Amino acid sequence: MVKPRKKPRAQRIEASAATAGERSRAGVKAHTAPQTISGRWLLKAFALTIAGAALCCWATLCLLFWQGSWQLLYHPAATVRRTPASAGMKFDPVAFAASELGRTRLAGWWIAAGPGAKFQRFTVLYLYGRNGNLGDAVESLANLHSAGVNVLAFDHRGYGESQFVRPSEEQRLQDGEWALSYLTGTRHISAGCIVLAGEGLGANLALELAAAHPELAGVVVQDPLADATSVIFNDARAKFVPARLLVRDRYNLDAAAVKLRIPSLWLLQMISPPNLDMAKEDSAFQEVGVRKARVWLQAGPAEPRQETDAFSSWLDDLGRPAH
């Protein structure tokens, strides 16, 4: 048998090198071949991008609503255009609630009762509504003062000449607490001689403060807002954000009425025909479990006189034992 002849060593090395080169070129071709992306992956990436953009837009909308929704409820004015002097009342400008730096945060008016006034032992802390400032409340202050009481009225922070901050229910409650402290601590007026009086949104606030201070003499609630924050939650933009989580203000009449432990006078506008707000006001009034009185006011020129007469009669009753 003839044995196959072996290739020379040089030829074997050359063949081996050629084979390795072919494998190397094949590997390079394999690595450099273009990769393809599946359509499903592209759709997922596109959907995630759109969702992320939508989430960012929604978060921005929530932030803007949180920052600006207070303007739907509160309408402050900086310039005070009237003072009690325009209604013939003597008054002293006051400033209180000093900060850590010694700067006062609240500005207001002290209107003392006239000499020999029938109810000069009482001091009314007046809380106005959501619009304007103290200058717009001069007529209401005159009605209270004509009954023969001392009156302290002030601008909430964000209003008039008081410190500029964004208004809120929490801020206004704190302002009321500072005003009570000013009366009892600085003017040394007994809490049992202080009457809270509020009008509009100020009536809601007065009721909340009164519920937290059973040591006070009483509270006068005039035309409270039955559903104060509806202007926020019923706004068209509120449908696209979790408005009730973003806004903390509530001014809940019923909740405050249930906790009330001091006499109250409710001055309410007679509306014909009765509407839902009247029903809600009546619901809150019925929740009060202590001495209370309600007077329906007829709109017209005689209304201020009705208010003063009702207030004077109620002050007379405060000095009498409860039945």
C-alpha atoms as a PDB file:
ATOM      1  CA  MET A   1       0.000   0.000   0.000  1.00  0.00           C
ATOM      2  CA  VAL A   2       1.246   3.390  -0.940  1.00  0.00           C
ATOM      3  CA  LYS A   3       1.230   5.808   2.021  1.00  0.00           C
ATOM      4  CA  PRO A   4      -0.109   9.347   1.338  1.00  0.00           C
ATOM      5  CA  ARG A   5       2.575  11.831   1.147  1.00  0.00           C
ATOM      6  CA  LYS A   6       2.640  14.441   3.891  1.00  0.00           C
ATOM      7  CA  LYS A   7       2.518  18.099   2.947  1.00  0.00           C
ATOM      8  CA  PRO A   8       5.597  19.996   3.702  1.00  0.00           C
ATOM      9  CA  ARG A   9       5.548  21.817   7.033  1.00  0.00           C
ATOM     10  CA  ALA A  10       5.542  25.259   5.367  1.00  0.00           C
ATOM     11  CA  GLN A  11       2.453  24.340   3.316  1.00  0.00           C
ATOM     12  CA  ARG A  12       0.664  23.112   6.453  1.00  0.00           C
ATOM     13  CA  ILE A  13       1.389  26.365   8.284  1.00  0.00           C
ATOM     14  CA  GLU A  14       0.213  28.377   5.262  1.00  0.00           C
ATOM     15  CA  ALA A  15      -3.037  26.423   5.040  1.00  0.00           C
ATOM     16  CA  SER A  16      -3.642  26.758   8.760  1.00  0.00           C
ATOM     17  CA  ALA A  17      -3.088  30.524   8.570  1.00  0.00           C
ATOM     18  CA  ALA A  18      -5.460  30.766   5.640  1.00  0.00           C
ATOM     19  CA  THR A  19      -8.151  28.886   7.567  1.00  0.00           C
ATOM     20  CA  ALA A  20      -7.695  31.129  10.630  1.00  0.00           C
ATOM     21  CA  GLY A  21      -7.923  34.201   8.416  1.00  0.00           C
ATOM     22  CA  GLU A  22     -11.153  33.003   6.910  1.00  0.00           C
ATOM     23  CA  ARG A  23     -12.578  32.388  10.379  1.00  0.00           C
ATOM     24  CA  SER A  24     -11.443  35.854  11.487  1.00  0.00           C
ATOM     25  CA  ARG A  25     -13.006  37.536   8.449  1.00  0.00           C
ATOM     26  CA  ALA A  26     -16.226  35.633   9.050  1.00  0.00           C
ATOM     27  CA  GLY A  27     -16.257  36.777  12.689  1.00  0.00           C
ATOM     28  CA  VAL A  28     -15.702  40.403  11.669  1.00  0.00           C
ATOM     29  CA  LYS A  29     -18.544  40.163   9.185  1.00  0.00           C
ATOM     30  CA  ALA A  30     -20.758  38.646  11.903  1.00  0.00           C
ATOM     31  CA  HIS A  31     -19.930  41.435  14.384  1.00  0.00           C
ATOM     32  CA  THR A  32     -20.337  44.247  11.918  1.00  0.00           C
ATOM     33  CA  ALA A  33     -23.638  43.045  10.522  1.00  0.00           C
ATOM     34  CA  PRO A  34     -26.413  45.689  11.130  1.00  0.00           C
ATOM     35  CA  GLN A  35     -28.792  44.927  14.032  1.00  0.00           C
ATOM     36  CA  THR A  36     -32.538  45.278  13.631  1.00  0.00           C
ATOM     37  CA  ILE A  37     -35.012  46.675  16.297  1.00  0.00           C
ATOM     38  CA  SER A  38     -38.383  45.081  16.611  1.00  0.00           C
ATOM     39  CA  GLY A  39     -41.505  47.123  15.921  1.00  0.00           C
ATOM     40  CA  ARG A  40     -42.937  46.069  19.286  1.00  0.00           C
ATOM     41  CA  TRP A  41     -39.986  47.620  21.133  1.00  0.00           C
ATOM     42  CA  LEU A  42     -40.424  50.864  19.188  1.00  0.00           C
ATOM     43  CA  LEU A  43     -44.118  51.000  20.066  1.00  0.00           C
ATOM     44  CA  LYS A  44     -43.363  50.463  23.755  1.00  0.00           C
ATOM     45  CA  ALA A  45     -40.703  53.181  23.758  1.00  0.00           C
ATOM     46  CA  PHE A  46     -43.069  55.589  22.006  1.00  0.00           C
ATOM     47  CA  ALA A  47     -45.896  54.821  24.442  1.00  0.00           C
ATOM     48  CA  LEU A  48     -43.608  55.330  27.467  1.00  0.00           C
ATOM     49  CA  THR A  49     -42.400  58.648  26.066  1.00  0.00           C
ATOM     50  CA  ILE A  50     -45.953  59.876  25.533  1.00  0.00           C
ATOM     51  CA  ALA A  51     -46.984  58.692  29.009  1.00  0.00           C
ATOM     52  CA  GLY A  52     -43.992  60.425  30.611  1.00  0.00           C
ATOM     53  CA  ALA A  53     -44.750  63.667  28.807  1.00  0.00           C
ATOM     54  CA  ALA A  54     -48.426  63.474  29.806  1.00  0.00           C
ATOM     55  CA  LEU A  55     -47.458  62.833  33.444  1.00  0.00           C
ATOM     56  CA  CYS A  56     -45.148  65.854  33.426  1.00  0.00           C
ATOM     57  CA  CYS A  57     -47.912  68.031  31.960  1.00  0.00           C
ATOM     58  CA  TRP A  58     -50.413  66.795  34.564  1.00  0.00           C
ATOM     59  CA  ALA A  59     -47.940  67.376  37.405  1.00  0.00           C
ATOM     60  CA  THR A  60     -47.364  70.910  36.117  1.00  0.00           C
ATOM     61  CA  LEU A  61     -51.122  71.494  35.983  1.00  0.00           C
ATOM     62  CA  CYS A  62     -51.434  70.263  39.586  1.00  0.00           C
ATOM     63  CA  LEU A  63     -48.660  72.611  40.698  1.00  0.00           C
ATOM     64  CA  LEU A  64     -50.224  75.597  38.942  1.00  0.00           C
ATOM     65  CA  PHE A  65     -53.654  74.793  40.415  1.00  0.00           C
ATOM     66  CA  TRP A  66     -52.167  74.458  43.910  1.00  0.00           C
ATOM     67  CA  GLN A  67     -50.362  77.779  43.591  1.00  0.00           C
ATOM     68  CA  GLY A  68     -53.201  79.760  42.055  1.00  0.00           C
ATOM     69  CA  SER A  69     -56.478  78.249  43.285  1.00  0.00           C
ATOM     70  CA  TRP A  70     -56.582  80.608  46.292  1.00  0.00           C
ATOM     71  CA  GLN A  71     -57.399  83.453  43.893  1.00  0.00           C
ATOM     72  CA  LEU A  72     -60.754  81.806  43.171  1.00  0.00           C
ATOM     73  CA  LEU A  73     -61.790  82.252  46.820  1.00  0.00           C
ATOM     74  CA  TYR A  74     -59.880  85.283  48.079  1.00  0.00           C
ATOM     75  CA  HIS A  75     -59.901  88.710  46.430  1.00  0.00           C
ATOM     76  CA  PRO A  76     -57.687  90.978  48.555  1.00  0.00           C
ATOM     77  CA  ALA A  77     -56.993  94.648  47.916  1.00  0.00           C
ATOM     78  CA  ALA A  78     -53.897  96.481  49.154  1.00  0.00           C
ATOM     79  CA  THR A  79     -55.080 100.096  49.209  1.00  0.00           C
ATOM     80  CA  VAL A  80     -57.315 101.091  52.147  1.00  0.00           C
ATOM     81  CA  ARG A  81     -59.535 103.855  50.752  1.00  0.00           C
ATOM     82  CA  ARG A  82     -61.751 104.542  53.797  1.00  0.00           C
ATOM     83  CA  THR A  83     -61.278 104.789  57.534  1.00  0.00           C
ATOM     84  CA  PRO A  84     -63.781 104.965  60.417  1.00  0.00           C
ATOM     85  CA  ALA A  85     -63.405 108.755  60.324  1.00  0.00           C
ATOM     86  CA  SER A  86     -65.413 108.766  57.091  1.00  0.00           C
ATOM     87  CA  ALA A  87     -68.361 107.419  59.105  1.00  0.00           C
ATOM     88  CA  GLY A  88     -67.849 109.838  62.017  1.00  0.00           C
ATOM     89  CA  MET A  89     -66.053 107.384  64.327  1.00  0.00           C
ATOM     90  CA  LYS A  90     -62.910 108.142  66.289  1.00  0.00           C
ATOM     91  CA  PHE A  91     -60.324 105.401  66.031  1.00  0.00           C
ATOM     92  CA  ASP A  92     -56.729 104.496  66.768  1.00  0.00           C
ATOM     93  CA  PRO A  93     -54.569 102.654  64.216  1.00  0.00           C
ATOM     94  CA  VAL A  94     -53.035  99.562  65.799  1.00  0.00           C
ATOM     95  CA  ALA A  95     -50.383  97.042  64.778  1.00  0.00           C
ATOM     96  CA  PHE A  96     -49.695  93.735  66.504  1.00  0.00           C
ATOM     97  CA  ALA A  97     -48.566  90.116  66.075  1.00  0.00           C
ATOM     98  CA  ALA A  98     -44.835  90.887  65.941  1.00  0.00           C
ATOM     99  CA  SER A  99     -42.523  88.419  64.205  1.00  0.00           C
ATOM    100  CA  GLU A 100     -39.212  87.137  65.583  1.00  0.00           C
ATOM    101  CA  LEU A 101     -37.577  90.165  63.945  1.00  0.00           C
ATOM    102  CA  GLY A 102     -39.942  92.550  65.711  1.00  0.00           C
ATOM    103  CA  ARG A 103     -41.994  93.437  62.632  1.00  0.00           C
ATOM    104  CA  THR A 104     -45.751  93.555  63.149  1.00  0.00           C
ATOM    105  CA  ARG A 105     -47.755  91.341  60.823  1.00  0.00           C
ATOM    106  CA  LEU A 106     -51.275  92.693  61.334  1.00  0.00           C
ATOM    107  CA  ALA A 107     -52.628  96.235  61.072  1.00  0.00           C
ATOM    108  CA  GLY A 108     -56.062  97.399  62.157  1.00  0.00           C
ATOM    109  CA  TRP A 109     -58.268  99.865  64.015  1.00  0.00           C
ATOM    110  CA  TRP A 110     -59.343 100.197  67.628  1.00  0.00           C
ATOM    111  CA  ILE A 111     -62.710 101.958  67.880  1.00  0.00           C
ATOM    112  CA  ALA A 112     -63.555 102.667  71.515  1.00  0.00           C
ATOM    113  CA  ALA A 113     -67.134 102.836  72.754  1.00  0.00           C
ATOM    114  CA  GLY A 114     -68.413 106.315  73.471  1.00  0.00           C
ATOM    115  CA  PRO A 115     -68.566 107.638  77.045  1.00  0.00           C
ATOM    116  CA  GLY A 116     -71.447 106.060  78.924  1.00  0.00           C
ATOM    117  CA  ALA A 117     -72.193 103.585  76.113  1.00  0.00           C
ATOM    118  CA  LYS A 118     -74.641 100.899  77.196  1.00  0.00           C
ATOM    119  CA  PHE A 119     -72.450  97.916  76.305  1.00  0.00           C
ATOM    120  CA  GLN A 120     -68.998  99.412  76.738  1.00  0.00           C
ATOM    121  CA  ARG A 121     -67.909  96.403  78.787  1.00  0.00           C
ATOM    122  CA  PHE A 122     -68.109  94.318  75.600  1.00  0.00           C
ATOM    123  CA  THR A 123     -65.444  94.334  72.882  1.00  0.00           C
ATOM    124  CA  VAL A 124     -66.272  93.014  69.436  1.00  0.00           C
ATOM    125  CA  LEU A 125     -63.545  91.387  67.358  1.00  0.00           C
ATOM    126  CA  TYR A 126     -64.766  91.873  63.806  1.00  0.00           C
ATOM    127  CA  LEU A 127     -63.776  89.569  60.924  1.00  0.00           C
ATOM    128  CA  TYR A 128     -64.708  90.664  57.407  1.00  0.00           C
ATOM    129  CA  GLY A 129     -65.253  88.540  54.315  1.00  0.00           C
ATOM    130  CA  ARG A 130     -63.064  87.461  51.427  1.00  0.00           C
ATOM    131  CA  ASN A 131     -63.033  90.642  49.322  1.00  0.00           C
ATOM    132  CA  GLY A 132     -61.279  93.990  49.591  1.00  0.00           C
ATOM    133  CA  ASN A 133     -59.924  95.060  52.985  1.00  0.00           C
ATOM    134  CA  LEU A 134     -60.907  97.018  56.122  1.00  0.00           C
ATOM    135  CA  GLY A 135     -61.850 100.065  54.090  1.00  0.00           C
ATOM    136  CA  ASP A 136     -64.772  98.104  52.626  1.00  0.00           C
ATOM    137  CA  ALA A 137     -66.054  97.167  56.100  1.00  0.00           C
ATOM    138  CA  VAL A 138     -66.528 100.674  57.523  1.00  0.00           C
ATOM    139  CA  GLU A 139     -70.347 100.545  57.320  1.00  0.00           C
ATOM    140  CA  SER A 140     -70.451  97.201  59.118  1.00  0.00           C
ATOM    141  CA  LEU A 141     -68.141  98.567  61.822  1.00  0.00           C
ATOM    142  CA  ALA A 142     -70.410 101.605  62.209  1.00  0.00           C
ATOM    143  CA  ASN A 143     -73.435  99.326  62.707  1.00  0.00           C
ATOM    144  CA  LEU A 144     -71.672  97.398  65.455  1.00  0.00           C
ATOM    145  CA  HIS A 145     -70.270 100.505  67.137  1.00  0.00           C
ATOM    146  CA  SER A 146     -73.675 102.190  67.178  1.00  0.00           C
ATOM    147  CA  ALA A 147     -74.829  99.504  69.616  1.00  0.00           C
ATOM    148  CA  GLY A 148     -72.360 100.952  72.151  1.00  0.00           C
ATOM    149  CA  VAL A 149     -69.453  98.476  72.118  1.00  0.00           C
ATOM    150  CA  ASN A 150     -65.701  98.670  71.586  1.00  0.00           C
ATOM    151  CA  VAL A 151     -64.569  97.289  68.242  1.00  0.00           C
ATOM    152  CA  LEU A 152     -61.271  95.844  67.062  1.00  0.00           C
ATOM    153  CA  ALA A 153     -61.003  95.224  63.331  1.00  0.00           C
ATOM    154  CA  PHE A 154     -57.900  94.256  61.404  1.00  0.00           C
ATOM    155  CA  ASP A 155     -56.721  93.304  57.955  1.00  0.00           C
ATOM    156  CA  HIS A 156     -55.788  89.666  57.500  1.00  0.00           C
ATOM    157  CA  ARG A 157     -52.361  88.917  56.115  1.00  0.00           C
ATOM    158  CA  GLY A 158     -52.438  89.425  52.376  1.00  0.00           C
ATOM    159  CA  TYR A 159     -54.973  92.261  52.740  1.00  0.00           C
ATOM    160  CA  GLY A 160     -54.654  96.000  53.216  1.00  0.00           C
ATOM    161  CA  GLU A 161     -51.633  97.152  55.223  1.00  0.00           C
ATOM    162  CA  SER A 162     -50.970  93.812  56.896  1.00  0.00           C
ATOM    163  CA  GLN A 163     -48.075  91.510  55.977  1.00  0.00           C
ATOM    164  CA  PHE A 164     -48.248  90.244  52.429  1.00  0.00           C
ATOM    165  CA  VAL A 165     -48.699  86.466  52.258  1.00  0.00           C
ATOM    166  CA  ARG A 166     -50.964  84.174  50.275  1.00  0.00           C
ATOM    167  CA  PRO A 167     -54.316  83.947  52.151  1.00  0.00           C
ATOM    168  CA  SER A 168     -55.592  80.614  53.453  1.00  0.00           C
ATOM    169  CA  GLU A 169     -57.968  79.299  56.096  1.00  0.00           C
ATOM    170  CA  GLU A 170     -55.047  78.313  58.307  1.00  0.00           C
ATOM    171  CA  GLN A 171     -53.494  81.778  57.980  1.00  0.00           C
ATOM    172  CA  ARG A 172     -56.773  83.531  58.784  1.00  0.00           C
ATOM    173  CA  LEU A 173     -57.370  81.354  61.835  1.00  0.00           C
ATOM    174  CA  GLN A 174     -53.876  82.214  63.070  1.00  0.00           C
ATOM    175  CA  ASP A 175     -54.610  85.908  62.482  1.00  0.00           C
ATOM    176  CA  GLY A 176     -57.746  85.581  64.603  1.00  0.00           C
ATOM    177  CA  GLU A 177     -55.784  83.901  67.389  1.00  0.00           C
ATOM    178  CA  TRP A 178     -53.245  86.740  67.349  1.00  0.00           C
ATOM    179  CA  ALA A 179     -56.053  89.303  67.545  1.00  0.00           C
ATOM    180  CA  LEU A 180     -57.554  87.549  70.575  1.00  0.00           C
ATOM    181  CA  SER A 181     -54.124  87.472  72.209  1.00  0.00           C
ATOM    182  CA  TYR A 182     -53.733  91.191  71.512  1.00  0.00           C
ATOM    183  CA  LEU A 183     -57.048  91.941  73.226  1.00  0.00           C
ATOM    184  CA  THR A 184     -56.430  89.778  76.277  1.00  0.00           C
ATOM    185  CA  GLY A 185     -52.653  90.219  76.585  1.00  0.00           C
ATOM    186  CA  THR A 186     -52.007  93.790  75.451  1.00  0.00           C
ATOM    187  CA  ARG A 187     -55.322  95.524  76.180  1.00  0.00           C
ATOM    188  CA  HIS A 188     -56.062  93.273  79.188  1.00  0.00           C
ATOM    189  CA  ILE A 189     -59.664  92.648  78.199  1.00  0.00           C
ATOM    190  CA  SER A 190     -61.312  89.658  79.841  1.00  0.00           C
ATOM    191  CA  ALA A 191     -62.137  86.836  77.433  1.00  0.00           C
ATOM    192  CA  GLY A 192     -65.640  86.773  78.942  1.00  0.00           C
ATOM    193  CA  CYS A 193     -66.229  90.265  77.551  1.00  0.00           C
ATOM    194  CA  ILE A 194     -65.113  89.529  73.988  1.00  0.00           C
ATOM    195  CA  VAL A 195     -67.658  88.870  71.255  1.00  0.00           C
ATOM    196  CA  LEU A 196     -66.602  87.535  67.869  1.00  0.00           C
ATOM    197  CA  ALA A 197     -68.479  88.919  64.866  1.00  0.00           C
ATOM    198  CA  GLY A 198     -68.003  87.908  61.259  1.00  0.00           C
ATOM    199  CA  GLU A 199     -69.601  88.578  57.911  1.00  0.00           C
ATOM    200  CA  GLY A 200     -69.508  86.392  54.804  1.00  0.00           C
ATOM    201  CA  LEU A 201     -66.385  84.244  54.913  1.00  0.00           C
ATOM    202  CA  GLY A 202     -65.521  86.070  58.129  1.00  0.00           C
ATOM    203  CA  ALA A 203     -68.655  84.556  59.684  1.00  0.00           C
ATOM    204  CA  ASN A 204     -67.368  81.050  58.900  1.00  0.00           C
ATOM    205  CA  LEU A 205     -64.066  82.005  60.470  1.00  0.00           C
ATOM    206  CA  ALA A 206     -65.718  83.553  63.541  1.00  0.00           C
ATOM    207  CA  LEU A 207     -67.683  80.345  64.115  1.00  0.00           C
ATOM    208  CA  GLU A 208     -64.505  78.253  63.905  1.00  0.00           C
ATOM    209  CA  LEU A 209     -62.691  80.519  66.369  1.00  0.00           C
ATOM    210  CA  ALA A 210     -65.692  80.559  68.697  1.00  0.00           C
ATOM    211  CA  ALA A 211     -65.809  76.759  68.686  1.00  0.00           C
ATOM    212  CA  ALA A 212     -62.166  76.715  69.822  1.00  0.00           C
ATOM    213  CA  HIS A 213     -62.690  79.339  72.572  1.00  0.00           C
ATOM    214  CA  PRO A 214     -65.567  78.474  74.940  1.00  0.00           C
ATOM    215  CA  GLU A 215     -64.307  81.181  77.320  1.00  0.00           C
ATOM    216  CA  LEU A 216     -65.552  83.995  75.059  1.00  0.00           C
ATOM    217  CA  ALA A 217     -68.854  85.824  75.606  1.00  0.00           C
ATOM    218  CA  GLY A 218     -70.486  84.915  72.298  1.00  0.00           C
ATOM    219  CA  VAL A 219     -70.372  85.040  68.515  1.00  0.00           C
ATOM    220  CA  VAL A 220     -72.363  86.890  65.841  1.00  0.00           C
ATOM    221  CA  VAL A 221     -72.604  85.116  62.494  1.00  0.00           C
ATOM    222  CA  GLN A 222     -73.850  87.234  59.577  1.00  0.00           C
ATOM    223  CA  ASP A 223     -74.530  85.677  56.182  1.00  0.00           C
ATOM    224  CA  PRO A 224     -71.959  82.859  56.376  1.00  0.00           C
ATOM    225  CA  LEU A 225     -70.987  81.082  53.177  1.00  0.00           C
ATOM    226  CA  ALA A 226     -72.847  77.777  53.184  1.00  0.00           C
ATOM    227  CA  ASP A 227     -70.334  76.151  50.834  1.00  0.00           C
ATOM    228  CA  ALA A 228     -67.389  78.545  50.791  1.00  0.00           C
ATOM    229  CA  THR A 229     -64.963  76.454  48.750  1.00  0.00           C
ATOM    230  CA  SER A 230     -67.420  75.491  46.016  1.00  0.00           C
ATOM    231  CA  VAL A 231     -65.917  78.261  43.857  1.00  0.00           C
ATOM    232  CA  ILE A 232     -62.684  76.265  43.889  1.00  0.00           C
ATOM    233  CA  PHE A 233     -63.955  72.718  43.563  1.00  0.00           C
ATOM    234  CA  ASN A 234     -66.582  73.591  40.943  1.00  0.00           C
ATOM    235  CA  ASP A 235     -64.080  75.382  38.743  1.00  0.00           C
ATOM    236  CA  ALA A 236     -63.603  73.692  35.356  1.00  0.00           C
ATOM    237  CA  ARG A 237     -59.861  73.225  35.965  1.00  0.00           C
ATOM    238  CA  ALA A 238     -60.529  71.323  39.185  1.00  0.00           C
ATOM    239  CA  LYS A 239     -61.865  68.402  37.122  1.00  0.00           C
ATOM    240  CA  PHE A 240     -58.398  67.599  35.817  1.00  0.00           C
ATOM    241  CA  VAL A 241     -56.534  67.559  39.157  1.00  0.00           C
ATOM    242  CA  PRO A 242     -57.093  66.039  42.628  1.00  0.00           C
ATOM    243  CA  ALA A 243     -58.395  69.408  43.851  1.00  0.00           C
ATOM    244  CA  ARG A 244     -59.532  68.210  47.281  1.00  0.00           C
ATOM    245  CA  LEU A 245     -56.045  66.894  47.979  1.00  0.00           C
ATOM    246  CA  LEU A 246     -54.326  70.049  46.743  1.00  0.00           C
ATOM    247  CA  VAL A 247     -56.573  72.549  48.570  1.00  0.00           C
ATOM    248  CA  ARG A 248     -56.810  72.379  52.362  1.00  0.00           C
ATOM    249  CA  ASP A 249     -59.358  75.160  52.937  1.00  0.00           C
ATOM    250  CA  ARG A 250     -62.838  73.980  53.943  1.00  0.00           C
ATOM    251  CA  TYR A 251     -64.593  76.515  56.239  1.00  0.00           C
ATOM    252  CA  ASN A 252     -67.020  73.812  57.313  1.00  0.00           C
ATOM    253  CA  LEU A 253     -70.028  75.450  58.977  1.00  0.00           C
ATOM    254  CA  ASP A 254     -71.597  72.262  60.326  1.00  0.00           C
ATOM    255  CA  ALA A 255     -68.363  71.026  61.917  1.00  0.00           C
ATOM    256  CA  ALA A 256     -67.858  74.321  63.741  1.00  0.00           C
ATOM    257  CA  ALA A 257     -71.525  74.598  64.768  1.00  0.00           C
ATOM    258  CA  VAL A 258     -71.460  71.178  66.423  1.00  0.00           C
ATOM    259  CA  LYS A 259     -68.495  72.203  68.603  1.00  0.00           C
ATOM    260  CA  LEU A 260     -69.903  75.598  69.623  1.00  0.00           C
ATOM    261  CA  ARG A 261     -70.286  76.095  73.390  1.00  0.00           C
ATOM    262  CA  ILE A 262     -71.069  79.818  73.634  1.00  0.00           C
ATOM    263  CA  PRO A 263     -74.213  81.851  72.757  1.00  0.00           C
ATOM    264  CA  SER A 264     -74.601  82.752  69.100  1.00  0.00           C
ATOM    265  CA  LEU A 265     -76.621  85.220  67.031  1.00  0.00           C
ATOM    266  CA  TRP A 266     -77.258  84.390  63.382  1.00  0.00           C
ATOM    267  CA  LEU A 267     -78.128  87.306  61.091  1.00  0.00           C
ATOM    268  CA  LEU A 268     -79.301  85.915  57.765  1.00  0.00           C
ATOM    269  CA  GLN A 269     -80.648  87.476  54.591  1.00  0.00           C
ATOM    270  CA  MET A 270     -84.203  86.550  53.753  1.00  0.00           C
ATOM    271  CA  ILE A 271     -84.216  85.265  50.166  1.00  0.00           C
ATOM    272  CA  SER A 272     -87.407  84.606  48.246  1.00  0.00           C
ATOM    273  CA  PRO A 273     -87.831  81.945  47.094  1.00  0.00           C
ATOM    274  CA  PRO A 274     -85.582  80.035  49.510  1.00  0.00           C
ATOM    275  CA  ASN A 275     -82.514  78.460  47.915  1.00  0.00           C
ATOM    276  CA  LEU A 276     -80.009  75.718  48.708  1.00  0.00           C
ATOM    277  CA  ASP A 277     -77.711  78.082  50.600  1.00  0.00           C
ATOM    278  CA  MET A 278     -80.518  78.961  53.000  1.00  0.00           C
ATOM    279  CA  ALA A 279     -81.120  75.276  53.612  1.00  0.00           C
ATOM    280  CA  LYS A 280     -77.434  74.725  54.397  1.00  0.00           C
ATOM    281  CA  GLU A 281     -77.341  77.748  56.710  1.00  0.00           C
ATOM    282  CA  ASP A 282     -80.392  76.358  58.513  1.00  0.00           C
ATOM    283  CA  SER A 283     -78.664  72.970  58.774  1.00  0.00           C
ATOM    284  CA  ALA A 284     -75.661  74.563  60.474  1.00  0.00           C
ATOM    285  CA  PHE A 285     -77.906  76.574  62.807  1.00  0.00           C
ATOM    286  CA  GLN A 286     -79.742  73.416  63.834  1.00  0.00           C
ATOM    287  CA  GLU A 287     -76.415  71.769  64.705  1.00  0.00           C
ATOM    288  CA  VAL A 288     -75.796  74.319  67.477  1.00  0.00           C
ATOM    289  CA  GLY A 289     -76.587  72.700  70.807  1.00  0.00           C
ATOM    290  CA  VAL A 290     -76.329  75.754  73.081  1.00  0.00           C
ATOM    291  CA  ARG A 291     -78.166  79.074  73.399  1.00  0.00           C
ATOM    292  CA  LYS A 292     -78.758  80.595  69.982  1.00  0.00           C
ATOM    293  CA  ALA A 293     -80.889  83.148  68.205  1.00  0.00           C
ATOM    294  CA  ARG A 294     -81.662  83.755  64.554  1.00  0.00           C
ATOM    295  CA  VAL A 295     -82.893  86.915  62.846  1.00  0.00           C
ATOM    296  CA  TRP A 296     -83.940  87.075  59.204  1.00  0.00           C
ATOM    297  CA  LEU A 297     -83.022  90.438  57.692  1.00  0.00           C
ATOM    298  CA  GLN A 298     -85.109  92.159  55.033  1.00  0.00           C
ATOM    299  CA  ALA A 299     -82.959  93.730  52.324  1.00  0.00           C
ATOM    300  CA  GLY A 300     -83.383  97.468  51.961  1.00  0.00           C
ATOM    301  CA  PRO A 301     -82.607 100.809  53.593  1.00  0.00           C
ATOM    302  CA  ALA A 302     -83.823  99.568  56.993  1.00  0.00           C
ATOM    303  CA  GLU A 303     -81.406  96.625  57.077  1.00  0.00           C
ATOM    304  CA  PRO A 304     -78.611  98.373  59.067  1.00  0.00           C
ATOM    305  CA  ARG A 305     -81.158  99.363  61.698  1.00  0.00           C
ATOM    306  CA  GLN A 306     -82.405  95.774  61.861  1.00  0.00           C
ATOM    307  CA  GLU A 307     -78.864  94.544  62.417  1.00  0.00           C
ATOM    308  CA  THR A 308     -78.154  97.032  65.208  1.00  0.00           C
ATOM    309  CA  ASP A 309     -81.468  96.353  66.979  1.00  0.00           C
ATOM    310  CA  ALA A 310     -80.978  92.581  66.776  1.00  0.00           C
ATOM    311  CA  PHE A 311     -77.413  92.879  68.050  1.00  0.00           C
ATOM    312  CA  SER A 312     -78.413  95.176  70.944  1.00  0.00           C
ATOM    313  CA  SER A 313     -81.234  92.872  71.990  1.00  0.00           C
ATOM    314  CA  TRP A 314     -78.895  89.888  71.900  1.00  0.00           C
ATOM    315  CA  LEU A 315     -76.292  91.700  74.047  1.00  0.00           C
ATOM    316  CA  ASP A 316     -79.034  92.370  76.590  1.00  0.00           C
ATOM    317  CA  ASP A 317     -79.748  88.639  76.718  1.00  0.00           C
ATOM    318  CA  LEU A 318     -76.069  87.784  77.276  1.00  0.00           C
ATOM    319  CA  GLY A 319     -76.306  89.157  80.811  1.00  0.00           C
ATOM    320  CA  ARG A 320     -79.306  87.011  81.641  1.00  0.00           C
ATOM    321  CA  PRO A 321     -79.153  83.378  82.750  1.00  0.00           C
ATOM    322  CA  ALA A 322     -79.930  80.769  80.083  1.00  0.00           C
ATOM    323  CA  HIS A 323     -83.398  79.242  80.202  1.00  0.00           C
END
